[in-house]
Protein backbone atom coordinates (compact mmCIF):
# COMPACT_ATOMS: atom_id res chain seq x y z
CA MET A 1 -89.79 179.95 162.93
CA LYS A 2 -86.47 180.20 164.68
CA HIS A 3 -86.36 180.07 168.48
CA ILE A 4 -85.25 183.35 170.09
CA GLY A 5 -82.84 183.37 173.03
CA ILE A 6 -82.75 186.52 175.16
CA LEU A 7 -80.10 187.49 177.68
CA GLY A 8 -82.36 189.38 180.05
CA GLY A 9 -82.49 190.67 183.59
CA VAL A 10 -80.29 193.69 182.87
CA SER A 11 -82.74 194.85 183.97
CA ALA A 12 -85.88 192.77 184.47
CA GLU A 13 -88.00 195.85 183.69
CA SER A 14 -86.69 196.10 180.12
CA THR A 15 -86.77 192.35 179.57
CA VAL A 16 -90.54 192.53 180.02
CA LEU A 17 -90.67 195.11 177.21
CA TYR A 18 -88.91 192.72 174.84
CA TYR A 19 -91.22 189.80 175.55
CA ARG A 20 -94.33 191.95 175.33
CA THR A 21 -93.23 193.67 172.11
CA ILE A 22 -92.53 190.42 170.27
CA THR A 23 -95.69 188.62 171.35
CA ARG A 24 -98.04 191.56 170.88
CA GLU A 25 -96.65 192.38 167.45
CA VAL A 26 -97.42 188.86 166.24
CA VAL A 27 -100.98 189.14 167.52
CA ARG A 28 -101.31 192.60 165.93
CA ARG A 29 -100.16 191.31 162.54
CA THR A 30 -102.00 188.01 162.43
CA GLY A 31 -104.75 188.09 165.03
CA ARG A 32 -103.28 184.86 166.40
CA ALA A 33 -100.88 184.04 169.21
CA ASP A 34 -98.55 182.07 166.94
CA TYR A 35 -95.38 183.79 168.10
CA PRO A 36 -91.90 182.24 168.05
CA GLU A 37 -90.66 180.23 170.98
CA ILE A 38 -88.73 182.54 173.30
CA ILE A 39 -86.15 181.40 175.85
CA ILE A 40 -85.11 184.00 178.43
CA TYR A 41 -81.99 183.64 180.57
CA SER A 42 -82.44 186.27 183.27
CA VAL A 43 -79.13 187.17 184.89
CA SER A 44 -78.64 189.09 188.15
CA PHE A 45 -78.77 192.80 187.44
CA GLY A 46 -76.86 193.53 190.65
CA ASP A 47 -73.97 191.25 189.69
CA PHE A 48 -73.63 192.78 186.24
CA ALA A 49 -73.98 196.35 187.55
CA ARG A 50 -71.18 195.77 190.04
CA LEU A 51 -68.94 194.32 187.33
CA GLN A 52 -69.67 197.28 185.03
CA HIS A 53 -68.78 199.84 187.66
CA ALA A 54 -65.63 197.88 188.54
CA GLY A 55 -64.56 197.84 184.89
CA GLU A 56 -64.55 194.03 184.74
CA TRP A 57 -65.53 193.85 181.08
CA ASP A 58 -63.55 190.68 180.36
CA LEU A 59 -65.49 188.86 183.07
CA ILE A 60 -68.76 190.33 181.77
CA THR A 61 -67.89 189.04 178.31
CA ALA A 62 -67.16 185.55 179.61
CA ARG A 63 -70.43 185.44 181.54
CA MET A 64 -72.41 186.59 178.53
CA VAL A 65 -70.83 183.94 176.31
CA ALA A 66 -71.77 181.33 178.92
CA VAL A 67 -75.38 182.56 178.83
CA PHE A 68 -75.58 182.13 175.05
CA GLN A 69 -74.04 178.69 175.32
CA ALA A 70 -76.82 177.77 177.76
CA LEU A 71 -79.47 179.31 175.51
CA HIS A 72 -78.06 177.33 172.57
CA ARG A 73 -78.31 174.11 174.57
CA ALA A 74 -81.91 175.04 175.43
CA GLY A 75 -82.77 175.30 171.73
CA ALA A 76 -82.26 178.98 170.85
CA GLN A 77 -81.29 179.57 167.23
CA LEU A 78 -80.64 183.31 167.40
CA GLY A 79 -79.86 185.56 170.31
CA LEU A 80 -80.08 189.09 171.57
CA ILE A 81 -78.84 191.05 174.55
CA ALA A 82 -81.74 192.98 176.08
CA ALA A 83 -79.52 195.87 177.17
CA ASN A 84 -77.60 198.66 175.47
CA THR A 85 -74.67 198.96 177.87
CA LEU A 86 -73.60 195.34 177.41
CA HIS A 87 -73.20 196.03 173.68
CA ALA A 88 -69.90 197.66 174.60
CA VAL A 89 -68.48 194.13 174.27
CA PHE A 90 -70.90 192.89 171.59
CA PRO A 91 -68.29 192.10 168.90
CA GLU A 92 -66.35 189.72 171.16
CA VAL A 93 -69.47 188.09 172.58
CA ALA A 94 -70.90 187.62 169.09
CA ARG A 95 -67.62 186.11 167.89
CA ARG A 96 -67.66 183.53 170.69
CA SER A 97 -71.40 182.83 170.75
CA PRO A 98 -72.59 179.48 169.36
CA ILE A 99 -75.66 181.20 167.86
CA PRO A 100 -75.90 184.37 165.74
CA LEU A 101 -76.58 187.53 167.76
CA LEU A 102 -78.55 190.60 166.69
CA SER A 103 -77.00 193.96 167.56
CA ILE A 104 -79.19 196.65 169.12
CA VAL A 105 -76.84 199.30 167.69
CA GLU A 106 -77.07 197.99 164.13
CA ALA A 107 -80.85 197.70 164.34
CA THR A 108 -81.16 201.25 165.69
CA ALA A 109 -78.78 202.62 163.06
CA ARG A 110 -80.87 201.06 160.30
CA GLU A 111 -84.01 202.65 161.72
CA ALA A 112 -82.36 206.06 162.08
CA LYS A 113 -81.16 205.84 158.49
CA ARG A 114 -84.63 204.81 157.32
CA LEU A 115 -86.04 207.92 159.01
CA GLY A 116 -83.52 210.11 157.18
CA LEU A 117 -81.81 211.36 160.34
CA GLU A 118 -78.37 212.93 160.11
CA ARG A 119 -77.78 213.93 163.74
CA VAL A 120 -79.16 212.20 166.84
CA GLY A 121 -78.95 212.69 170.58
CA LEU A 122 -78.01 209.68 172.69
CA LEU A 123 -79.36 209.05 176.19
CA GLY A 124 -78.35 206.04 178.24
CA THR A 125 -76.05 204.90 180.99
CA ARG A 126 -72.76 206.70 181.41
CA PHE A 127 -71.04 203.67 179.83
CA THR A 128 -73.20 203.98 176.73
CA MET A 129 -73.05 207.75 176.37
CA GLU A 130 -69.30 207.90 176.95
CA GLY A 131 -68.43 204.75 175.00
CA ASP A 132 -67.74 204.69 171.29
CA PHE A 133 -69.94 201.80 170.16
CA TYR A 134 -72.96 203.95 169.27
CA ARG A 135 -70.81 206.57 167.60
CA ARG A 136 -69.16 203.88 165.49
CA GLY A 137 -72.43 202.16 164.64
CA MET A 138 -74.18 205.37 163.67
CA GLY A 139 -71.11 206.66 161.89
CA GLU A 140 -71.17 203.63 159.59
CA VAL A 141 -74.49 204.90 158.17
CA GLY A 142 -73.43 208.56 158.15
CA ILE A 143 -75.21 209.71 161.30
CA GLU A 144 -73.59 211.97 163.92
CA VAL A 145 -74.19 211.31 167.63
CA ILE A 146 -74.26 213.98 170.34
CA VAL A 147 -74.57 213.40 174.09
CA PRO A 148 -75.51 215.46 177.15
CA ASP A 149 -73.01 217.40 179.24
CA PRO A 150 -71.01 215.46 181.91
CA GLY A 151 -73.24 216.44 184.83
CA GLU A 152 -76.35 215.51 182.86
CA ARG A 153 -74.82 212.18 181.93
CA GLU A 154 -74.27 211.40 185.61
CA GLU A 155 -77.83 212.33 186.43
CA ILE A 156 -79.31 210.09 183.75
CA HIS A 157 -76.99 207.28 184.85
CA ARG A 158 -78.23 207.59 188.44
CA ILE A 159 -81.88 207.62 187.37
CA ILE A 160 -81.39 204.45 185.33
CA TYR A 161 -79.57 202.44 188.00
CA GLN A 162 -81.25 203.75 191.12
CA GLU A 163 -84.80 204.18 189.82
CA LEU A 164 -85.76 202.65 186.46
CA ALA A 165 -83.91 199.36 186.94
CA ARG A 166 -85.83 198.97 190.20
CA GLY A 167 -89.19 199.74 188.62
CA LEU A 168 -89.40 203.24 190.12
CA ILE A 169 -90.95 205.90 187.87
CA ARG A 170 -90.66 209.44 189.25
CA GLU A 171 -92.27 212.42 187.57
CA ASP A 172 -89.44 214.76 188.54
CA SER A 173 -86.97 212.39 186.87
CA ARG A 174 -89.19 212.20 183.79
CA ALA A 175 -89.22 215.99 183.52
CA ARG A 176 -85.48 216.19 184.02
CA VAL A 177 -84.61 213.61 181.34
CA ILE A 178 -87.05 215.15 178.87
CA GLY A 179 -85.45 218.53 179.57
CA ILE A 180 -82.01 217.10 178.79
CA ALA A 181 -83.35 215.60 175.55
CA GLU A 182 -84.85 218.95 174.56
CA LYS A 183 -81.46 220.58 175.12
CA LEU A 184 -79.94 218.10 172.64
CA ILE A 185 -82.69 218.96 170.17
CA ARG A 186 -81.77 222.64 170.47
CA LYS A 187 -78.22 221.59 169.59
CA GLY A 188 -79.43 220.07 166.35
CA ALA A 189 -80.50 216.53 167.18
CA GLN A 190 -83.18 215.40 164.71
CA GLY A 191 -83.99 212.36 166.82
CA ILE A 192 -83.32 211.02 170.31
CA ILE A 193 -81.99 207.52 170.89
CA LEU A 194 -83.30 205.96 174.09
CA GLY A 195 -80.01 204.13 174.43
CA CYS A 196 -81.02 202.35 177.57
CA THR A 197 -83.76 199.76 177.34
CA GLU A 198 -85.34 201.10 180.56
CA LEU A 199 -85.75 204.65 179.26
CA PRO A 200 -89.02 203.91 177.37
CA LEU A 201 -90.54 203.45 180.84
CA LEU A 202 -89.82 207.12 181.47
CA ILE A 203 -90.15 208.82 178.08
CA PRO A 204 -93.44 208.26 176.19
CA LYS A 205 -93.48 208.20 172.40
CA ASP A 206 -95.19 211.58 172.10
CA SER A 207 -93.10 213.47 174.66
CA LEU A 208 -90.72 215.15 172.17
CA ASP A 209 -91.09 217.03 168.89
CA VAL A 210 -88.58 214.79 167.09
CA ALA A 211 -88.33 211.07 166.39
CA ILE A 212 -87.81 208.94 169.49
CA LEU A 213 -85.81 205.78 168.82
CA ASN A 214 -86.98 203.19 171.34
CA THR A 215 -84.05 200.79 171.14
CA ALA A 216 -85.81 198.01 173.08
CA GLU A 217 -88.73 198.02 170.66
CA ILE A 218 -86.52 198.32 167.57
CA HIS A 219 -84.33 195.45 168.75
CA ALA A 220 -87.26 193.22 169.68
CA LEU A 221 -88.94 193.74 166.31
CA ALA A 222 -85.66 193.01 164.52
CA ALA A 223 -85.49 189.72 166.43
CA LEU A 224 -89.03 188.89 165.40
CA GLU A 225 -88.23 189.53 161.73
CA ALA A 226 -85.13 187.33 161.99
CA ALA A 227 -87.13 184.57 163.66
CA LEU A 228 -89.79 184.68 160.95
CA GLY A 229 -87.29 184.72 158.10
CA ASP A 230 -85.81 181.73 156.35
């Protein structure tokens, strides 16, 4: 089995989901705790959040490359970024990384295609919803992406950074985000992408009448399959 290297901490809450998903899935499949070795490099969420809001994406890229260099030295053979927003610079980071990286966007697009979806709603940070990396990734498999209105995007962004990333789960925020998702469904979304790895903390699997694409889980399981492969 290949050793998995995870760039985590962005945020710590979602990094826990990755570790738990990989290890529990192995136990579920085999009844044994013979999961791959996992090396987590947990960065400072505050530092990365400040750089994101300042638009310092070149510096973010350089720091991420340095993380994967450290993970490589620690023995990681494949890597993943446990965050959606940082995939805005995934192509450049992957190009400069000493180990192969698995894209959360590509993994989610494959799952959406497998489910037969043609139009999906995207929830996430403002950077993710307003960026083009999900639209491009989904477009490559023929899937259209729609996003909430500007005011709703700001509200979800605030909930992610001010609440979920700090481990705060508020029922009024849950109701609000579910309401925004339902509005996208009324606009034709056949599935909802939880395009922030903290959003599964807020939106349970059975909370909507369409497919919910839990990107953290999808990404973690893709990493497991890659680790188990030849």
